[in-house]
Amino acid sequence: MRIYLFDEPEKITGGLYERLLAMLPAHRRQKALRYKNISDSVLCAVSYRLLGYGLFAEYGIESFSMAVKDNGKPYLADVPGVFFNISHCLEGCICALSDSEVGADIQHPVRLRNNVIKRVCTQQETELINSSADPELTFRGIWCMKEAYLKMLGTGIAADMKTADTSAEGFPGAYLHFDRYSLAACEQKGLSTAELKESIVHLGVNDIV
């Protein structure tokens, strides 16, 4: 697995934003332009560019088309055996590529809410959060892994998030914390924290635009 990460969306403004849009195929450009908030438009555009960058870097693929499964999960219609997943938040975007089903999530800090913990966490996860020196950070990591797992399955967070028990032995995902965000990935064949750390390719503005 490889994860392409971009965390400088605030630097893409003015002419750089126009150049970025011009690099997109028409359907993706139209999707990016439908966002009212320019920061959301940038993240939509950058996410697609991460996918294209990664496909070329890993597989030499220069062109591709995306389709959507019945469950709503996007896939590469013309590249069998290559799986991807995209996520973005206020602080950046990630694109995970793998030769097995994969899910990824990136999250910026949010205020910890007990009612959310009760709704989405198992008893074991709740105990981990409550006993943590930094409950918000621990919850953010758990949330990221849950989202990544359900995206790997193709159900998304519409499913009962308690079914994604990140404390269970053999859970196929891991997470990492950075200064302004946390990220996680799950891979069908399993993923350790060390493997996740080694998989990350950190891209800059010049790589994207």
N, C-alpha and C. Protein backbone atom coordinates (compact mmCIF):
# COMPACT_ATOMS: atom_id res chain seq x y z
N MET A 1 0.83 -1.19 0.00
CA MET A 1 0.00 0.00 0.00
C MET A 1 0.87 1.25 0.00
N ARG A 2 0.36 2.29 -0.64
CA ARG A 2 1.03 3.59 -0.63
C ARG A 2 -0.02 4.66 -0.35
N ILE A 3 0.34 5.61 0.50
CA ILE A 3 -0.56 6.73 0.79
C ILE A 3 0.10 8.03 0.37
N TYR A 4 -0.58 8.76 -0.51
CA TYR A 4 -0.11 10.06 -0.93
C TYR A 4 -0.82 11.13 -0.11
N LEU A 5 -0.04 12.01 0.49
CA LEU A 5 -0.54 13.00 1.44
C LEU A 5 -0.18 14.41 0.99
N PHE A 6 -1.15 15.30 1.04
CA PHE A 6 -0.92 16.72 0.77
C PHE A 6 -1.57 17.52 1.88
N ASP A 7 -0.80 18.38 2.55
CA ASP A 7 -1.35 19.13 3.69
C ASP A 7 -1.06 20.63 3.63
N GLU A 8 -1.08 21.18 2.41
CA GLU A 8 -0.88 22.61 2.25
C GLU A 8 -1.98 23.23 1.37
N PRO A 9 -3.25 22.90 1.60
CA PRO A 9 -4.30 23.43 0.71
C PRO A 9 -4.41 24.95 0.75
N GLU A 10 -4.00 25.55 1.88
CA GLU A 10 -4.10 27.00 2.00
C GLU A 10 -3.17 27.73 1.05
N LYS A 11 -2.18 27.03 0.49
CA LYS A 11 -1.22 27.66 -0.44
C LYS A 11 -1.74 27.69 -1.88
N ILE A 12 -2.82 26.98 -2.14
CA ILE A 12 -3.34 26.94 -3.51
C ILE A 12 -4.44 27.99 -3.64
N THR A 13 -4.06 29.16 -4.09
CA THR A 13 -4.97 30.27 -4.28
C THR A 13 -4.66 30.95 -5.63
N GLY A 14 -5.55 31.84 -6.05
CA GLY A 14 -5.30 32.67 -7.23
C GLY A 14 -4.93 31.85 -8.46
N GLY A 15 -3.76 32.20 -9.03
CA GLY A 15 -3.31 31.55 -10.25
C GLY A 15 -3.05 30.07 -10.08
N LEU A 16 -2.56 29.67 -8.91
CA LEU A 16 -2.33 28.24 -8.68
C LEU A 16 -3.64 27.46 -8.70
N TYR A 17 -4.67 28.06 -8.14
CA TYR A 17 -5.99 27.41 -8.15
C TYR A 17 -6.51 27.27 -9.59
N GLU A 18 -6.34 28.30 -10.39
CA GLU A 18 -6.78 28.24 -11.78
C GLU A 18 -5.99 27.18 -12.55
N ARG A 19 -4.69 27.10 -12.31
CA ARG A 19 -3.87 26.08 -12.97
C ARG A 19 -4.30 24.68 -12.56
N LEU A 20 -4.60 24.51 -11.28
CA LEU A 20 -5.04 23.21 -10.78
C LEU A 20 -6.33 22.78 -11.47
N LEU A 21 -7.29 23.68 -11.56
CA LEU A 21 -8.55 23.35 -12.22
C LEU A 21 -8.33 22.97 -13.68
N ALA A 22 -7.41 23.67 -14.34
CA ALA A 22 -7.15 23.42 -15.76
C ALA A 22 -6.53 22.04 -15.99
N MET A 23 -5.92 21.47 -14.97
CA MET A 23 -5.28 20.16 -15.09
C MET A 23 -6.28 19.01 -14.95
N LEU A 24 -7.49 19.30 -14.54
CA LEU A 24 -8.49 18.27 -14.28
C LEU A 24 -9.29 17.94 -15.54
N PRO A 25 -9.76 16.71 -15.67
CA PRO A 25 -10.71 16.41 -16.74
C PRO A 25 -12.01 17.18 -16.47
N ALA A 26 -12.79 17.38 -17.50
CA ALA A 26 -13.97 18.24 -17.42
C ALA A 26 -14.92 17.83 -16.30
N HIS A 27 -15.17 16.53 -16.14
CA HIS A 27 -16.15 16.08 -15.14
C HIS A 27 -15.68 16.38 -13.73
N ARG A 28 -14.37 16.26 -13.48
CA ARG A 28 -13.87 16.55 -12.15
C ARG A 28 -13.81 18.06 -11.90
N ARG A 29 -13.47 18.80 -12.92
CA ARG A 29 -13.45 20.26 -12.80
C ARG A 29 -14.85 20.78 -12.47
N GLN A 30 -15.85 20.24 -13.14
CA GLN A 30 -17.22 20.66 -12.87
C GLN A 30 -17.63 20.32 -11.44
N LYS A 31 -17.20 19.16 -10.97
CA LYS A 31 -17.52 18.78 -9.59
C LYS A 31 -16.85 19.74 -8.61
N ALA A 32 -15.58 20.08 -8.85
CA ALA A 32 -14.86 20.99 -7.96
C ALA A 32 -15.51 22.37 -7.95
N LEU A 33 -15.98 22.82 -9.09
CA LEU A 33 -16.57 24.16 -9.20
C LEU A 33 -17.96 24.24 -8.58
N ARG A 34 -18.59 23.09 -8.31
CA ARG A 34 -19.91 23.10 -7.69
C ARG A 34 -19.86 23.48 -6.21
N TYR A 35 -18.66 23.37 -5.61
CA TYR A 35 -18.54 23.74 -4.20
C TYR A 35 -18.60 25.25 -4.04
N LYS A 36 -19.38 25.71 -3.07
CA LYS A 36 -19.49 27.14 -2.81
C LYS A 36 -18.25 27.68 -2.12
N ASN A 37 -17.67 26.85 -1.26
CA ASN A 37 -16.47 27.25 -0.52
C ASN A 37 -15.23 26.87 -1.32
N ILE A 38 -14.36 27.84 -1.59
CA ILE A 38 -13.20 27.56 -2.43
C ILE A 38 -12.27 26.53 -1.78
N SER A 39 -12.22 26.48 -0.46
CA SER A 39 -11.34 25.50 0.19
C SER A 39 -11.82 24.08 -0.11
N ASP A 40 -13.14 23.88 -0.16
CA ASP A 40 -13.68 22.57 -0.52
C ASP A 40 -13.39 22.24 -1.98
N SER A 41 -13.45 23.26 -2.83
CA SER A 41 -13.14 23.08 -4.24
C SER A 41 -11.69 22.65 -4.43
N VAL A 42 -10.79 23.31 -3.68
CA VAL A 42 -9.37 22.96 -3.75
C VAL A 42 -9.15 21.52 -3.32
N LEU A 43 -9.77 21.12 -2.21
CA LEU A 43 -9.59 19.76 -1.69
C LEU A 43 -10.12 18.72 -2.67
N CYS A 44 -11.24 19.01 -3.31
CA CYS A 44 -11.80 18.09 -4.31
C CYS A 44 -10.82 17.93 -5.48
N ALA A 45 -10.26 19.04 -5.93
CA ALA A 45 -9.33 19.01 -7.06
C ALA A 45 -8.02 18.32 -6.69
N VAL A 46 -7.49 18.65 -5.53
CA VAL A 46 -6.22 18.06 -5.10
C VAL A 46 -6.36 16.55 -4.90
N SER A 47 -7.48 16.11 -4.36
CA SER A 47 -7.70 14.67 -4.15
C SER A 47 -7.57 13.90 -5.45
N TYR A 48 -8.16 14.45 -6.51
CA TYR A 48 -8.07 13.80 -7.82
C TYR A 48 -6.65 13.80 -8.34
N ARG A 49 -5.94 14.91 -8.13
CA ARG A 49 -4.55 14.99 -8.57
C ARG A 49 -3.67 13.99 -7.80
N LEU A 50 -3.96 13.79 -6.52
CA LEU A 50 -3.20 12.79 -5.75
C LEU A 50 -3.38 11.40 -6.36
N LEU A 51 -4.61 11.10 -6.74
CA LEU A 51 -4.88 9.79 -7.35
C LEU A 51 -4.10 9.64 -8.66
N GLY A 52 -4.13 10.65 -9.48
CA GLY A 52 -3.40 10.59 -10.74
C GLY A 52 -1.90 10.49 -10.54
N TYR A 53 -1.39 11.26 -9.58
CA TYR A 53 0.04 11.23 -9.27
C TYR A 53 0.44 9.83 -8.81
N GLY A 54 -0.34 9.27 -7.90
CA GLY A 54 -0.02 7.96 -7.36
C GLY A 54 -0.10 6.85 -8.39
N LEU A 55 -1.12 6.90 -9.24
CA LEU A 55 -1.26 5.86 -10.26
C LEU A 55 -0.09 5.88 -11.23
N PHE A 56 0.39 7.07 -11.57
CA PHE A 56 1.53 7.13 -12.47
C PHE A 56 2.81 6.69 -11.75
N ALA A 57 2.99 7.15 -10.52
CA ALA A 57 4.22 6.83 -9.77
C ALA A 57 4.32 5.34 -9.46
N GLU A 58 3.20 4.71 -9.12
CA GLU A 58 3.22 3.31 -8.70
C GLU A 58 3.08 2.33 -9.86
N TYR A 59 2.29 2.71 -10.87
CA TYR A 59 1.94 1.74 -11.92
C TYR A 59 2.22 2.24 -13.33
N GLY A 60 2.66 3.49 -13.48
CA GLY A 60 2.90 4.03 -14.80
C GLY A 60 1.62 4.34 -15.56
N ILE A 61 0.50 4.45 -14.85
CA ILE A 61 -0.79 4.70 -15.48
C ILE A 61 -0.97 6.20 -15.70
N GLU A 62 -1.19 6.60 -16.94
CA GLU A 62 -1.32 8.02 -17.27
C GLU A 62 -2.77 8.47 -17.42
N SER A 63 -3.66 7.56 -17.74
CA SER A 63 -5.06 7.92 -17.87
C SER A 63 -5.92 6.84 -17.19
N PHE A 64 -7.05 7.25 -16.66
CA PHE A 64 -7.91 6.32 -15.95
C PHE A 64 -9.32 6.89 -15.92
N SER A 65 -10.28 6.03 -15.64
CA SER A 65 -11.66 6.48 -15.47
C SER A 65 -12.21 5.87 -14.19
N MET A 66 -13.02 6.67 -13.50
CA MET A 66 -13.61 6.24 -12.24
C MET A 66 -15.07 5.88 -12.45
N ALA A 67 -15.52 4.85 -11.74
CA ALA A 67 -16.93 4.47 -11.73
C ALA A 67 -17.33 4.26 -10.27
N VAL A 68 -18.60 3.99 -10.04
CA VAL A 68 -19.11 3.84 -8.68
C VAL A 68 -19.85 2.53 -8.56
N LYS A 69 -19.52 1.76 -7.52
CA LYS A 69 -20.22 0.50 -7.26
C LYS A 69 -21.63 0.77 -6.75
N ASP A 70 -22.43 -0.29 -6.66
CA ASP A 70 -23.80 -0.16 -6.17
C ASP A 70 -23.85 0.42 -4.76
N ASN A 71 -22.81 0.13 -3.96
CA ASN A 71 -22.78 0.64 -2.59
C ASN A 71 -22.24 2.07 -2.49
N GLY A 72 -21.90 2.65 -3.65
CA GLY A 72 -21.44 4.04 -3.67
C GLY A 72 -19.94 4.21 -3.61
N LYS A 73 -19.20 3.12 -3.52
CA LYS A 73 -17.75 3.24 -3.42
C LYS A 73 -17.13 3.41 -4.81
N PRO A 74 -16.31 4.44 -5.00
CA PRO A 74 -15.65 4.64 -6.30
C PRO A 74 -14.59 3.55 -6.55
N TYR A 75 -14.39 3.25 -7.83
CA TYR A 75 -13.34 2.31 -8.20
C TYR A 75 -12.82 2.68 -9.58
N LEU A 76 -11.69 2.09 -9.95
CA LEU A 76 -11.07 2.35 -11.25
C LEU A 76 -11.66 1.37 -12.27
N ALA A 77 -12.45 1.90 -13.19
CA ALA A 77 -13.18 1.04 -14.12
C ALA A 77 -12.27 0.31 -15.09
N ASP A 78 -11.14 0.92 -15.43
CA ASP A 78 -10.28 0.34 -16.46
C ASP A 78 -8.94 -0.15 -15.92
N VAL A 79 -8.82 -0.26 -14.60
CA VAL A 79 -7.56 -0.74 -14.01
C VAL A 79 -7.89 -1.83 -12.99
N PRO A 80 -8.17 -3.05 -13.42
CA PRO A 80 -8.49 -4.12 -12.48
C PRO A 80 -7.30 -4.47 -11.60
N GLY A 81 -7.59 -4.77 -10.34
CA GLY A 81 -6.53 -5.17 -9.42
C GLY A 81 -5.85 -4.03 -8.71
N VAL A 82 -6.25 -2.79 -9.00
CA VAL A 82 -5.71 -1.62 -8.28
C VAL A 82 -6.87 -0.95 -7.56
N PHE A 83 -6.72 -0.77 -6.26
CA PHE A 83 -7.78 -0.22 -5.42
C PHE A 83 -7.32 1.11 -4.83
N PHE A 84 -8.26 2.01 -4.62
CA PHE A 84 -7.90 3.30 -4.06
C PHE A 84 -8.98 3.81 -3.12
N ASN A 85 -8.61 4.76 -2.30
CA ASN A 85 -9.58 5.47 -1.47
C ASN A 85 -9.04 6.85 -1.15
N ILE A 86 -9.92 7.82 -1.18
CA ILE A 86 -9.57 9.23 -1.00
C ILE A 86 -10.28 9.79 0.21
N SER A 87 -9.62 10.70 0.91
CA SER A 87 -10.24 11.41 2.02
C SER A 87 -9.64 12.80 2.12
N HIS A 88 -10.43 13.75 2.60
CA HIS A 88 -9.88 15.08 2.85
C HIS A 88 -10.59 15.74 4.03
N CYS A 89 -9.90 16.66 4.65
CA CYS A 89 -10.44 17.46 5.74
C CYS A 89 -9.93 18.87 5.55
N LEU A 90 -10.16 19.74 6.50
CA LEU A 90 -9.73 21.13 6.37
C LEU A 90 -8.22 21.27 6.20
N GLU A 91 -7.47 20.32 6.73
CA GLU A 91 -6.01 20.45 6.75
C GLU A 91 -5.30 19.72 5.62
N GLY A 92 -6.03 18.93 4.82
CA GLY A 92 -5.33 18.24 3.74
C GLY A 92 -6.10 17.08 3.16
N CYS A 93 -5.41 16.34 2.29
CA CYS A 93 -6.02 15.22 1.56
C CYS A 93 -5.08 14.03 1.59
N ILE A 94 -5.66 12.84 1.47
CA ILE A 94 -4.87 11.63 1.29
C ILE A 94 -5.51 10.76 0.22
N CYS A 95 -4.67 10.00 -0.45
CA CYS A 95 -5.14 8.99 -1.41
C CYS A 95 -4.36 7.72 -1.14
N ALA A 96 -5.07 6.65 -0.82
CA ALA A 96 -4.44 5.34 -0.57
C ALA A 96 -4.59 4.47 -1.81
N LEU A 97 -3.50 3.80 -2.18
CA LEU A 97 -3.49 2.87 -3.31
C LEU A 97 -3.03 1.51 -2.81
N SER A 98 -3.66 0.45 -3.30
CA SER A 98 -3.32 -0.89 -2.84
C SER A 98 -3.70 -1.92 -3.88
N ASP A 99 -3.16 -3.13 -3.71
CA ASP A 99 -3.57 -4.25 -4.56
C ASP A 99 -4.67 -5.07 -3.90
N SER A 100 -5.24 -4.55 -2.78
CA SER A 100 -6.42 -5.15 -2.17
C SER A 100 -7.33 -4.01 -1.71
N GLU A 101 -8.56 -4.34 -1.35
CA GLU A 101 -9.50 -3.30 -0.94
C GLU A 101 -8.90 -2.45 0.19
N VAL A 102 -9.11 -1.15 0.11
CA VAL A 102 -8.46 -0.24 1.03
C VAL A 102 -9.42 0.90 1.39
N GLY A 103 -9.26 1.42 2.60
CA GLY A 103 -10.01 2.59 3.04
C GLY A 103 -9.07 3.53 3.76
N ALA A 104 -9.34 4.84 3.67
CA ALA A 104 -8.47 5.83 4.29
C ALA A 104 -9.29 6.98 4.84
N ASP A 105 -8.76 7.63 5.86
CA ASP A 105 -9.46 8.79 6.42
C ASP A 105 -8.45 9.76 7.03
N ILE A 106 -8.74 11.05 6.90
CA ILE A 106 -7.93 12.09 7.52
C ILE A 106 -8.89 13.03 8.24
N GLN A 107 -8.53 13.45 9.45
CA GLN A 107 -9.41 14.27 10.27
C GLN A 107 -8.63 15.37 10.98
N HIS A 108 -9.19 16.57 10.99
CA HIS A 108 -8.63 17.65 11.80
C HIS A 108 -9.23 17.57 13.21
N PRO A 109 -8.65 18.25 14.18
CA PRO A 109 -9.17 18.18 15.55
C PRO A 109 -10.61 18.68 15.67
N VAL A 110 -11.39 17.99 16.47
CA VAL A 110 -12.76 18.41 16.77
C VAL A 110 -12.98 18.25 18.28
N ARG A 111 -13.98 18.97 18.79
CA ARG A 111 -14.27 18.89 20.22
C ARG A 111 -14.84 17.53 20.56
N LEU A 112 -14.33 16.92 21.62
CA LEU A 112 -14.78 15.61 22.05
C LEU A 112 -16.17 15.71 22.66
N ARG A 113 -17.07 14.85 22.22
CA ARG A 113 -18.44 14.84 22.71
C ARG A 113 -18.78 13.46 23.26
N ASN A 114 -19.25 13.41 24.49
CA ASN A 114 -19.57 12.13 25.12
C ASN A 114 -20.70 11.40 24.40
N ASN A 115 -21.66 12.15 23.86
CA ASN A 115 -22.77 11.47 23.17
C ASN A 115 -22.30 10.80 21.88
N VAL A 116 -21.27 11.36 21.25
CA VAL A 116 -20.72 10.73 20.05
C VAL A 116 -19.95 9.47 20.42
N ILE A 117 -19.17 9.54 21.49
CA ILE A 117 -18.45 8.35 21.97
C ILE A 117 -19.44 7.23 22.25
N LYS A 118 -20.51 7.56 22.93
CA LYS A 118 -21.51 6.55 23.29
C LYS A 118 -22.15 5.94 22.05
N ARG A 119 -22.33 6.75 21.01
CA ARG A 119 -23.01 6.29 19.80
C ARG A 119 -22.13 5.42 18.92
N VAL A 120 -20.83 5.70 18.86
CA VAL A 120 -19.99 5.04 17.86
C VAL A 120 -18.95 4.07 18.43
N CYS A 121 -18.67 4.14 19.73
CA CYS A 121 -17.58 3.35 20.30
C CYS A 121 -18.07 2.14 21.09
N THR A 122 -17.30 1.07 21.02
CA THR A 122 -17.56 -0.10 21.84
C THR A 122 -17.12 0.19 23.28
N GLN A 123 -17.45 -0.72 24.17
CA GLN A 123 -17.05 -0.53 25.57
C GLN A 123 -15.54 -0.49 25.70
N GLN A 124 -14.84 -1.37 24.98
CA GLN A 124 -13.38 -1.39 25.05
C GLN A 124 -12.77 -0.09 24.52
N GLU A 125 -13.32 0.42 23.43
CA GLU A 125 -12.82 1.68 22.88
C GLU A 125 -13.09 2.83 23.83
N THR A 126 -14.25 2.83 24.45
CA THR A 126 -14.60 3.88 25.41
C THR A 126 -13.64 3.87 26.58
N GLU A 127 -13.28 2.69 27.06
CA GLU A 127 -12.32 2.58 28.17
C GLU A 127 -10.95 3.11 27.76
N LEU A 128 -10.54 2.83 26.53
CA LEU A 128 -9.26 3.35 26.03
C LEU A 128 -9.26 4.87 26.00
N ILE A 129 -10.37 5.45 25.57
CA ILE A 129 -10.47 6.91 25.51
C ILE A 129 -10.45 7.52 26.90
N ASN A 130 -11.24 6.96 27.81
CA ASN A 130 -11.35 7.51 29.16
C ASN A 130 -10.06 7.38 29.96
N SER A 131 -9.26 6.37 29.66
CA SER A 131 -8.01 6.17 30.40
C SER A 131 -6.82 6.84 29.73
N SER A 132 -7.06 7.48 28.61
CA SER A 132 -5.97 8.09 27.86
C SER A 132 -5.52 9.41 28.47
N ALA A 133 -4.24 9.73 28.32
CA ALA A 133 -3.72 11.03 28.76
C ALA A 133 -4.25 12.15 27.87
N ASP A 134 -4.68 11.80 26.66
CA ASP A 134 -5.25 12.77 25.72
C ASP A 134 -6.48 12.14 25.07
N PRO A 135 -7.63 12.20 25.74
CA PRO A 135 -8.83 11.53 25.23
C PRO A 135 -9.24 11.99 23.83
N GLU A 136 -9.11 13.30 23.54
CA GLU A 136 -9.52 13.80 22.21
C GLU A 136 -8.67 13.18 21.12
N LEU A 137 -7.37 13.10 21.36
CA LEU A 137 -6.47 12.53 20.37
C LEU A 137 -6.74 11.04 20.17
N THR A 138 -6.97 10.34 21.27
CA THR A 138 -7.27 8.91 21.18
C THR A 138 -8.56 8.66 20.43
N PHE A 139 -9.58 9.47 20.74
CA PHE A 139 -10.86 9.32 20.02
C PHE A 139 -10.68 9.61 18.54
N ARG A 140 -9.89 10.63 18.20
CA ARG A 140 -9.69 10.97 16.80
C ARG A 140 -9.05 9.81 16.04
N GLY A 141 -8.08 9.15 16.67
CA GLY A 141 -7.46 8.00 16.02
C GLY A 141 -8.44 6.86 15.81
N ILE A 142 -9.27 6.61 16.82
CA ILE A 142 -10.28 5.55 16.73
C ILE A 142 -11.30 5.89 15.64
N TRP A 143 -11.75 7.14 15.63
CA TRP A 143 -12.72 7.57 14.62
C TRP A 143 -12.15 7.39 13.21
N CYS A 144 -10.92 7.82 13.01
CA CYS A 144 -10.28 7.68 11.70
C CYS A 144 -10.23 6.22 11.26
N MET A 145 -9.86 5.34 12.18
CA MET A 145 -9.78 3.92 11.83
C MET A 145 -11.15 3.35 11.50
N LYS A 146 -12.17 3.77 12.25
CA LYS A 146 -13.52 3.30 11.97
C LYS A 146 -13.97 3.75 10.57
N GLU A 147 -13.76 5.02 10.27
CA GLU A 147 -14.13 5.51 8.94
C GLU A 147 -13.37 4.76 7.84
N ALA A 148 -12.07 4.59 8.05
CA ALA A 148 -11.25 3.90 7.05
C ALA A 148 -11.75 2.47 6.85
N TYR A 149 -12.09 1.80 7.93
CA TYR A 149 -12.55 0.41 7.84
C TYR A 149 -13.87 0.31 7.07
N LEU A 150 -14.82 1.18 7.42
CA LEU A 150 -16.12 1.13 6.76
C LEU A 150 -16.02 1.57 5.30
N LYS A 151 -15.09 2.47 5.00
CA LYS A 151 -14.86 2.84 3.59
C LYS A 151 -14.21 1.70 2.83
N MET A 152 -13.35 0.94 3.49
CA MET A 152 -12.76 -0.24 2.86
C MET A 152 -13.86 -1.24 2.48
N LEU A 153 -14.82 -1.42 3.38
CA LEU A 153 -15.93 -2.34 3.11
C LEU A 153 -16.90 -1.78 2.08
N GLY A 154 -16.91 -0.45 1.93
CA GLY A 154 -17.82 0.17 1.00
C GLY A 154 -19.14 0.59 1.61
N THR A 155 -19.27 0.49 2.94
CA THR A 155 -20.53 0.85 3.59
C THR A 155 -20.54 2.31 4.03
N GLY A 156 -19.37 2.86 4.35
CA GLY A 156 -19.31 4.23 4.85
C GLY A 156 -19.91 4.33 6.23
N ILE A 157 -19.98 5.56 6.75
CA ILE A 157 -20.44 5.73 8.13
C ILE A 157 -21.95 5.62 8.28
N ALA A 158 -22.63 5.30 7.18
CA ALA A 158 -24.05 5.01 7.30
C ALA A 158 -24.26 3.72 8.09
N ALA A 159 -23.23 2.88 8.11
CA ALA A 159 -23.30 1.63 8.88
C ALA A 159 -23.11 1.93 10.37
N ASP A 160 -23.46 0.96 11.20
CA ASP A 160 -23.26 1.08 12.65
C ASP A 160 -21.75 1.11 12.93
N MET A 161 -21.24 2.23 13.41
CA MET A 161 -19.80 2.37 13.59
C MET A 161 -19.26 1.48 14.70
N LYS A 162 -20.13 0.98 15.56
CA LYS A 162 -19.68 0.06 16.59
C LYS A 162 -19.25 -1.29 16.00
N THR A 163 -19.72 -1.58 14.80
CA THR A 163 -19.32 -2.85 14.17
C THR A 163 -17.85 -2.81 13.77
N ALA A 164 -17.29 -1.61 13.65
CA ALA A 164 -15.87 -1.48 13.36
C ALA A 164 -15.13 -1.34 14.69
N ASP A 165 -14.87 -2.46 15.34
CA ASP A 165 -14.25 -2.46 16.66
C ASP A 165 -12.73 -2.39 16.51
N THR A 166 -12.17 -1.21 16.66
CA THR A 166 -10.74 -1.02 16.45
C THR A 166 -9.88 -1.65 17.54
N SER A 167 -10.53 -2.04 18.65
CA SER A 167 -9.77 -2.69 19.73
C SER A 167 -9.69 -4.20 19.56
N ALA A 168 -10.40 -4.73 18.57
CA ALA A 168 -10.43 -6.18 18.36
C ALA A 168 -9.09 -6.69 17.84
N GLU A 169 -8.72 -7.86 18.28
CA GLU A 169 -7.47 -8.47 17.81
C GLU A 169 -7.55 -8.71 16.30
N GLY A 170 -6.50 -8.33 15.61
CA GLY A 170 -6.47 -8.54 14.17
C GLY A 170 -7.17 -7.45 13.37
N PHE A 171 -7.57 -6.35 14.02
CA PHE A 171 -8.20 -5.26 13.26
C PHE A 171 -7.23 -4.82 12.16
N PRO A 172 -7.70 -4.71 10.90
CA PRO A 172 -6.78 -4.54 9.76
C PRO A 172 -6.37 -3.10 9.46
N GLY A 173 -6.21 -2.27 10.48
CA GLY A 173 -5.87 -0.88 10.22
C GLY A 173 -5.00 -0.27 11.30
N ALA A 174 -4.56 0.96 11.02
CA ALA A 174 -3.69 1.68 11.95
C ALA A 174 -3.89 3.17 11.74
N TYR A 175 -3.40 3.97 12.69
CA TYR A 175 -3.52 5.42 12.55
C TYR A 175 -2.24 6.10 13.00
N LEU A 176 -2.10 7.36 12.56
CA LEU A 176 -0.97 8.21 12.94
C LEU A 176 -1.48 9.60 13.25
N HIS A 177 -0.81 10.26 14.20
CA HIS A 177 -1.15 11.64 14.54
C HIS A 177 -0.07 12.59 14.04
N PHE A 178 -0.50 13.71 13.48
CA PHE A 178 0.40 14.78 13.09
C PHE A 178 -0.02 16.05 13.82
N ASP A 179 0.70 17.14 13.63
CA ASP A 179 0.42 18.36 14.38
C ASP A 179 -1.00 18.87 14.18
N ARG A 180 -1.49 18.84 12.93
CA ARG A 180 -2.77 19.48 12.62
C ARG A 180 -3.87 18.50 12.23
N TYR A 181 -3.57 17.22 12.22
CA TYR A 181 -4.55 16.23 11.79
C TYR A 181 -4.09 14.83 12.18
N SER A 182 -5.00 13.90 12.05
CA SER A 182 -4.69 12.47 12.19
C SER A 182 -5.15 11.77 10.92
N LEU A 183 -4.51 10.65 10.62
CA LEU A 183 -4.95 9.86 9.46
C LEU A 183 -4.89 8.38 9.79
N ALA A 184 -5.69 7.63 9.06
CA ALA A 184 -5.74 6.18 9.26
C ALA A 184 -6.00 5.49 7.94
N ALA A 185 -5.64 4.23 7.89
CA ALA A 185 -5.93 3.42 6.72
C ALA A 185 -6.23 1.99 7.17
N CYS A 186 -7.05 1.32 6.39
CA CYS A 186 -7.33 -0.10 6.59
C CYS A 186 -7.16 -0.80 5.26
N GLU A 187 -6.55 -1.97 5.32
CA GLU A 187 -6.29 -2.74 4.12
C GLU A 187 -6.81 -4.15 4.34
N GLN A 188 -7.43 -4.70 3.33
CA GLN A 188 -8.06 -6.01 3.45
C GLN A 188 -7.09 -7.06 3.98
N LYS A 189 -5.84 -6.97 3.57
CA LYS A 189 -4.86 -7.97 4.00
C LYS A 189 -4.18 -7.60 5.32
N GLY A 190 -4.60 -6.50 5.94
CA GLY A 190 -4.04 -6.10 7.23
C GLY A 190 -2.99 -5.02 7.10
N LEU A 191 -2.85 -4.21 8.16
CA LEU A 191 -1.92 -3.09 8.13
C LEU A 191 -1.47 -2.76 9.54
N SER A 192 -0.15 -2.63 9.72
CA SER A 192 0.40 -2.26 11.03
C SER A 192 0.74 -0.77 11.04
N THR A 193 0.99 -0.24 12.23
CA THR A 193 1.38 1.16 12.35
C THR A 193 2.68 1.43 11.61
N ALA A 194 3.64 0.50 11.72
CA ALA A 194 4.92 0.66 11.03
C ALA A 194 4.73 0.67 9.52
N GLU A 195 3.87 -0.21 9.03
CA GLU A 195 3.61 -0.26 7.59
C GLU A 195 2.92 1.02 7.12
N LEU A 196 2.00 1.53 7.93
CA LEU A 196 1.33 2.77 7.57
C LEU A 196 2.33 3.91 7.48
N LYS A 197 3.20 4.01 8.46
CA LYS A 197 4.20 5.09 8.48
C LYS A 197 5.11 5.01 7.26
N GLU A 198 5.53 3.81 6.90
CA GLU A 198 6.42 3.63 5.75
C GLU A 198 5.72 3.88 4.42
N SER A 199 4.40 3.80 4.41
CA SER A 199 3.65 3.92 3.16
C SER A 199 3.44 5.36 2.71
N ILE A 200 3.67 6.33 3.60
CA ILE A 200 3.27 7.71 3.31
C ILE A 200 4.28 8.43 2.43
N VAL A 201 3.76 9.04 1.36
CA VAL A 201 4.54 9.90 0.48
C VAL A 201 3.96 11.30 0.62
N HIS A 202 4.75 12.22 1.16
CA HIS A 202 4.29 13.59 1.46
C HIS A 202 4.58 14.49 0.26
N LEU A 203 3.55 14.99 -0.39
CA LEU A 203 3.71 15.81 -1.57
C LEU A 203 3.53 17.30 -1.25
N GLY A 204 4.18 18.15 -2.06
CA GLY A 204 4.09 19.58 -1.91
C GLY A 204 3.33 20.22 -3.06
N VAL A 205 3.19 21.52 -3.01
CA VAL A 205 2.44 22.25 -4.02
C VAL A 205 3.01 22.00 -5.43
N ASN A 206 4.31 21.99 -5.56
CA ASN A 206 4.92 21.80 -6.87
C ASN A 206 4.65 20.41 -7.46
N ASP A 207 4.34 19.44 -6.61
CA ASP A 207 3.99 18.12 -7.10
C ASP A 207 2.56 18.07 -7.62
N ILE A 208 1.72 18.94 -7.09
CA ILE A 208 0.29 18.91 -7.38
C ILE A 208 -0.08 19.80 -8.56
N VAL A 209 0.54 20.97 -8.62
CA VAL A 209 0.18 21.97 -9.63
C VAL A 209 1.36 22.18 -10.60
